[in-house]
């Protein structure tokens, strides 16, 4: 079975791209706590891209993928993430259309 590309890496890195575009910056620190099978482990990140890099590295460290599959996954992130941001990201609850008030003279 070909090892090309790491889908886990593509999806994690694309999500990081979408989040960075949504917030207009990659540099947002956050933490996450793991669930099963290893609950209670908290990881802290300085940016979305740092989390995406760790996500991809985990695939290599666990022996699931070779580095080339992860690097190709990183390369695909912008195309996938940009497409999602431009075509699929929608407001959770669309409100009524608003128009600016006319200027008073």
N, C-alpha and C. Protein backbone atom coordinates (compact mmCIF):
# COMPACT_ATOMS: atom_id res chain seq x y z
N UNK A 1 0.85 -1.18 0.00
CA UNK A 1 0.00 0.00 0.00
C UNK A 1 0.90 1.24 0.00
N UNK A 2 0.66 2.18 -0.90
CA UNK A 2 1.49 3.39 -0.93
C UNK A 2 1.34 4.23 0.34
N UNK A 3 2.42 4.86 0.70
CA UNK A 3 2.43 5.72 1.89
C UNK A 3 2.50 7.17 1.44
N UNK A 4 1.42 7.65 0.84
CA UNK A 4 1.53 8.95 0.21
C UNK A 4 0.17 9.53 -0.06
N UNK A 5 -0.22 10.63 0.41
CA UNK A 5 0.32 11.42 1.53
C UNK A 5 -0.33 11.02 2.86
N UNK A 6 0.10 11.63 3.93
CA UNK A 6 -0.50 11.39 5.24
C UNK A 6 -1.78 12.22 5.35
N UNK A 7 -2.92 11.56 5.28
CA UNK A 7 -4.20 12.26 5.36
C UNK A 7 -4.37 12.97 6.70
N UNK A 8 -3.89 12.33 7.76
CA UNK A 8 -3.95 12.95 9.09
C UNK A 8 -3.23 14.30 9.08
N UNK A 9 -2.07 14.34 8.43
CA UNK A 9 -1.30 15.58 8.33
C UNK A 9 -2.01 16.61 7.46
N UNK A 10 -2.55 16.18 6.32
CA UNK A 10 -3.28 17.09 5.43
C UNK A 10 -4.43 17.75 6.19
N UNK A 11 -5.24 16.95 6.86
CA UNK A 11 -6.42 17.48 7.55
C UNK A 11 -6.05 18.41 8.70
N UNK A 12 -5.05 18.02 9.51
CA UNK A 12 -4.63 18.87 10.62
C UNK A 12 -4.03 20.18 10.15
N UNK A 13 -3.21 20.11 9.12
CA UNK A 13 -2.57 21.32 8.60
C UNK A 13 -3.57 22.20 7.86
N UNK A 14 -4.53 21.60 7.17
CA UNK A 14 -5.57 22.39 6.51
C UNK A 14 -6.43 23.10 7.55
N UNK A 15 -6.75 22.42 8.65
CA UNK A 15 -7.52 23.05 9.73
C UNK A 15 -6.73 24.23 10.31
N UNK A 16 -5.43 24.08 10.46
CA UNK A 16 -4.60 25.18 10.96
C UNK A 16 -4.62 26.36 9.99
N UNK A 17 -4.61 26.09 8.70
CA UNK A 17 -4.68 27.14 7.69
C UNK A 17 -6.02 27.88 7.77
N UNK A 18 -7.11 27.13 7.90
CA UNK A 18 -8.44 27.75 8.00
C UNK A 18 -8.51 28.62 9.26
N UNK A 19 -8.04 28.11 10.38
CA UNK A 19 -8.10 28.88 11.63
C UNK A 19 -7.24 30.14 11.54
N UNK A 20 -6.06 30.04 10.97
CA UNK A 20 -5.19 31.21 10.83
C UNK A 20 -5.83 32.26 9.92
N UNK A 21 -6.48 31.83 8.86
CA UNK A 21 -7.16 32.79 7.99
C UNK A 21 -8.37 33.41 8.69
N UNK A 22 -9.11 32.60 9.45
CA UNK A 22 -10.29 33.09 10.15
C UNK A 22 -9.90 34.17 11.17
N UNK A 23 -8.84 33.92 11.93
CA UNK A 23 -8.40 34.87 12.95
C UNK A 23 -7.42 35.90 12.43
N UNK A 24 -7.06 35.79 11.16
CA UNK A 24 -6.13 36.71 10.50
C UNK A 24 -4.74 36.69 11.13
N UNK A 25 -4.39 35.59 11.79
CA UNK A 25 -3.05 35.38 12.34
C UNK A 25 -2.89 33.92 12.70
N UNK A 26 -1.68 33.43 12.61
CA UNK A 26 -1.35 32.07 13.02
C UNK A 26 -0.97 32.04 14.50
N UNK A 27 -0.56 33.18 15.02
CA UNK A 27 0.00 33.25 16.37
C UNK A 27 -1.07 33.41 17.45
N UNK A 28 -1.83 32.36 17.65
CA UNK A 28 -2.82 32.32 18.73
C UNK A 28 -2.47 31.11 19.58
N UNK A 29 -2.12 31.36 20.84
CA UNK A 29 -1.75 30.25 21.71
C UNK A 29 -3.01 29.57 22.24
N UNK A 30 -2.90 28.28 22.45
CA UNK A 30 -4.02 27.50 22.98
C UNK A 30 -3.49 26.21 23.57
N UNK A 31 -4.33 25.52 24.32
CA UNK A 31 -3.95 24.23 24.87
C UNK A 31 -5.07 23.24 24.60
N UNK A 32 -4.72 21.97 24.59
CA UNK A 32 -5.68 20.89 24.36
C UNK A 32 -5.34 19.76 25.32
N UNK A 33 -6.36 19.11 25.83
CA UNK A 33 -6.16 17.97 26.71
C UNK A 33 -6.68 16.72 26.01
N UNK A 34 -5.87 15.67 26.03
CA UNK A 34 -6.20 14.45 25.30
C UNK A 34 -7.31 13.65 25.98
N UNK A 35 -7.97 12.86 25.15
CA UNK A 35 -8.98 11.92 25.63
C UNK A 35 -8.42 10.51 25.56
N UNK A 36 -9.28 9.56 25.36
CA UNK A 36 -8.86 8.15 25.27
C UNK A 36 -7.96 7.95 24.06
N UNK A 37 -6.97 7.13 24.06
CA UNK A 37 -6.66 6.15 25.09
C UNK A 37 -5.72 6.66 26.18
N UNK A 38 -5.26 7.90 26.07
CA UNK A 38 -4.34 8.47 27.07
C UNK A 38 -4.92 9.77 27.62
N UNK A 39 -5.94 9.71 28.43
CA UNK A 39 -6.62 10.92 28.88
C UNK A 39 -5.78 11.75 29.85
N UNK A 40 -6.05 13.06 29.81
CA UNK A 40 -5.45 13.95 30.80
C UNK A 40 -4.10 14.55 30.44
N UNK A 41 -3.62 14.33 29.23
CA UNK A 41 -2.35 14.92 28.82
C UNK A 41 -2.65 16.25 28.15
N UNK A 42 -2.11 17.34 28.72
CA UNK A 42 -2.36 18.67 28.17
C UNK A 42 -1.15 19.14 27.39
N UNK A 43 -1.39 19.57 26.17
CA UNK A 43 -0.34 20.13 25.30
C UNK A 43 -0.65 21.59 25.09
N UNK A 44 0.39 22.43 25.09
CA UNK A 44 0.24 23.86 24.84
C UNK A 44 0.97 24.22 23.56
N UNK A 45 0.34 25.09 22.77
CA UNK A 45 0.90 25.49 21.49
C UNK A 45 0.90 27.01 21.38
N UNK A 46 1.90 27.54 20.70
CA UNK A 46 1.99 28.98 20.46
C UNK A 46 1.23 29.40 19.22
N UNK A 47 0.96 28.44 18.33
CA UNK A 47 0.30 28.78 17.07
C UNK A 47 -0.41 27.56 16.50
N UNK A 48 -1.29 27.82 15.53
CA UNK A 48 -1.97 26.73 14.84
C UNK A 48 -0.98 25.88 14.06
N UNK A 49 0.00 26.54 13.43
CA UNK A 49 0.96 25.78 12.63
C UNK A 49 1.86 24.91 13.50
N UNK A 50 2.16 25.35 14.73
CA UNK A 50 2.95 24.51 15.63
C UNK A 50 2.18 23.22 15.95
N UNK A 51 0.90 23.34 16.22
CA UNK A 51 0.08 22.16 16.49
C UNK A 51 0.02 21.25 15.27
N UNK A 52 -0.09 21.85 14.08
CA UNK A 52 -0.13 21.06 12.86
C UNK A 52 1.17 20.31 12.65
N UNK A 53 2.29 20.95 12.95
CA UNK A 53 3.60 20.28 12.80
C UNK A 53 3.72 19.11 13.77
N UNK A 54 3.28 19.31 15.00
CA UNK A 54 3.34 18.22 15.98
C UNK A 54 2.41 17.08 15.56
N UNK A 55 1.25 17.43 15.03
CA UNK A 55 0.31 16.44 14.54
C UNK A 55 0.96 15.56 13.47
N UNK A 56 1.64 16.19 12.51
CA UNK A 56 2.31 15.42 11.46
C UNK A 56 3.47 14.60 12.00
N UNK A 57 4.26 15.20 12.90
CA UNK A 57 5.40 14.49 13.47
C UNK A 57 4.96 13.24 14.23
N UNK A 58 3.78 13.30 14.83
CA UNK A 58 3.29 12.15 15.58
C UNK A 58 3.10 10.94 14.67
N UNK A 59 2.76 11.17 13.43
CA UNK A 59 2.56 10.07 12.49
C UNK A 59 3.87 9.36 12.19
N UNK A 60 4.97 10.12 12.18
CA UNK A 60 6.29 9.54 11.95
C UNK A 60 6.75 8.80 13.21
N UNK A 61 6.60 9.47 14.36
CA UNK A 61 7.07 8.89 15.62
C UNK A 61 6.34 7.59 15.98
N UNK A 62 5.08 7.48 15.57
CA UNK A 62 4.30 6.25 15.84
C UNK A 62 4.57 5.16 14.80
N UNK A 63 5.33 5.48 13.77
CA UNK A 63 5.64 4.49 12.75
C UNK A 63 4.52 4.28 11.73
N UNK A 64 3.59 5.22 11.67
CA UNK A 64 2.47 5.09 10.75
C UNK A 64 2.85 5.54 9.34
N UNK A 65 3.66 6.61 9.27
CA UNK A 65 4.08 7.16 7.98
C UNK A 65 5.57 7.43 7.97
N UNK A 66 6.13 7.49 6.75
CA UNK A 66 7.49 7.98 6.55
C UNK A 66 7.43 9.49 6.44
N UNK A 67 8.57 10.14 6.63
CA UNK A 67 8.63 11.60 6.58
C UNK A 67 8.13 12.17 5.26
N UNK A 68 8.40 11.50 4.15
CA UNK A 68 7.96 12.02 2.85
C UNK A 68 6.44 12.16 2.78
N UNK A 69 5.70 11.22 3.34
CA UNK A 69 4.24 11.29 3.32
C UNK A 69 3.74 12.47 4.14
N UNK A 70 4.43 12.77 5.24
CA UNK A 70 4.05 13.89 6.09
C UNK A 70 4.40 15.22 5.41
N UNK A 71 5.56 15.29 4.78
CA UNK A 71 5.96 16.52 4.08
C UNK A 71 4.99 16.83 2.94
N UNK A 72 4.56 15.82 2.21
CA UNK A 72 3.58 16.03 1.14
C UNK A 72 2.25 16.50 1.74
N UNK A 73 1.90 15.96 2.89
CA UNK A 73 0.69 16.41 3.59
C UNK A 73 0.75 17.87 3.95
N UNK A 74 1.92 18.33 4.43
CA UNK A 74 2.08 19.75 4.73
C UNK A 74 1.95 20.59 3.46
N UNK A 75 2.49 20.10 2.37
CA UNK A 75 2.45 20.85 1.11
C UNK A 75 1.01 21.03 0.62
N UNK A 76 0.15 20.08 0.89
CA UNK A 76 -1.23 20.16 0.42
C UNK A 76 -2.11 21.04 1.30
N UNK A 77 -1.64 21.37 2.49
CA UNK A 77 -2.48 22.08 3.47
C UNK A 77 -3.04 23.39 2.97
N UNK A 78 -2.22 24.21 2.31
CA UNK A 78 -2.71 25.52 1.89
C UNK A 78 -3.78 25.40 0.81
N UNK A 79 -3.58 24.49 -0.13
CA UNK A 79 -4.59 24.34 -1.18
C UNK A 79 -5.92 23.87 -0.59
N UNK A 80 -5.86 22.90 0.29
CA UNK A 80 -7.08 22.39 0.90
C UNK A 80 -7.68 23.42 1.85
N UNK A 81 -6.85 23.98 2.73
CA UNK A 81 -7.33 24.97 3.70
C UNK A 81 -7.89 26.21 3.04
N UNK A 82 -7.21 26.71 2.02
CA UNK A 82 -7.71 27.89 1.30
C UNK A 82 -9.03 27.60 0.61
N UNK A 83 -9.14 26.41 -0.01
CA UNK A 83 -10.40 26.06 -0.68
C UNK A 83 -11.54 26.01 0.33
N UNK A 84 -11.30 25.38 1.46
CA UNK A 84 -12.34 25.28 2.49
C UNK A 84 -12.74 26.67 2.98
N UNK A 85 -11.76 27.52 3.22
CA UNK A 85 -12.06 28.87 3.72
C UNK A 85 -12.88 29.65 2.70
N UNK A 86 -12.53 29.53 1.43
CA UNK A 86 -13.20 30.31 0.39
C UNK A 86 -14.57 29.74 -0.01
N UNK A 87 -14.75 28.42 0.05
CA UNK A 87 -15.95 27.80 -0.50
C UNK A 87 -16.87 27.10 0.49
N UNK A 88 -16.35 26.66 1.61
CA UNK A 88 -17.16 25.85 2.51
C UNK A 88 -17.43 26.49 3.87
N UNK A 89 -16.61 27.42 4.29
CA UNK A 89 -16.80 28.06 5.59
C UNK A 89 -17.96 29.03 5.51
N UNK A 90 -18.94 28.80 6.34
CA UNK A 90 -20.15 29.63 6.33
C UNK A 90 -20.49 30.03 7.75
N UNK A 91 -21.22 31.13 7.93
CA UNK A 91 -21.64 31.51 9.29
C UNK A 91 -22.50 30.41 9.91
N UNK A 92 -22.33 30.20 11.21
CA UNK A 92 -23.10 29.18 11.90
C UNK A 92 -24.58 29.52 11.90
N UNK A 93 -24.90 30.78 12.05
CA UNK A 93 -26.29 31.23 12.08
C UNK A 93 -26.37 32.51 11.25
N UNK A 94 -26.62 32.38 9.96
CA UNK A 94 -26.68 33.58 9.12
C UNK A 94 -27.75 34.54 9.61
N UNK A 95 -27.39 35.78 9.72
CA UNK A 95 -28.34 36.81 10.14
C UNK A 95 -28.93 37.50 8.93
N UNK A 96 -29.86 38.43 9.16
CA UNK A 96 -30.45 39.16 8.04
C UNK A 96 -29.41 40.07 7.41
N UNK A 97 -29.57 40.32 6.15
CA UNK A 97 -28.67 41.23 5.45
C UNK A 97 -28.80 42.62 6.05
N UNK A 98 -27.69 43.30 6.21
CA UNK A 98 -27.73 44.65 6.74
C UNK A 98 -27.23 45.62 5.70
N UNK A 99 -27.77 46.80 5.76
CA UNK A 99 -27.32 47.87 4.87
C UNK A 99 -26.95 49.06 5.72
N UNK A 100 -25.96 49.81 5.30
CA UNK A 100 -25.58 50.98 6.09
C UNK A 100 -26.69 52.03 6.08
N UNK A 101 -26.78 52.78 7.16
CA UNK A 101 -27.75 53.86 7.23
C UNK A 101 -27.34 54.96 6.26
N UNK A 102 -28.30 55.54 5.57
CA UNK A 102 -27.93 56.64 4.66
C UNK A 102 -27.42 57.84 5.47
N UNK A 103 -26.47 58.49 4.88
CA UNK A 103 -25.91 59.68 5.56
C UNK A 103 -26.96 60.78 5.62
N UNK A 104 -27.02 61.43 6.76
CA UNK A 104 -27.97 62.54 6.88
C UNK A 104 -27.29 63.81 6.39
N UNK A 105 -28.05 64.63 5.73
CA UNK A 105 -27.50 65.80 5.09
C UNK A 105 -27.72 66.99 5.83
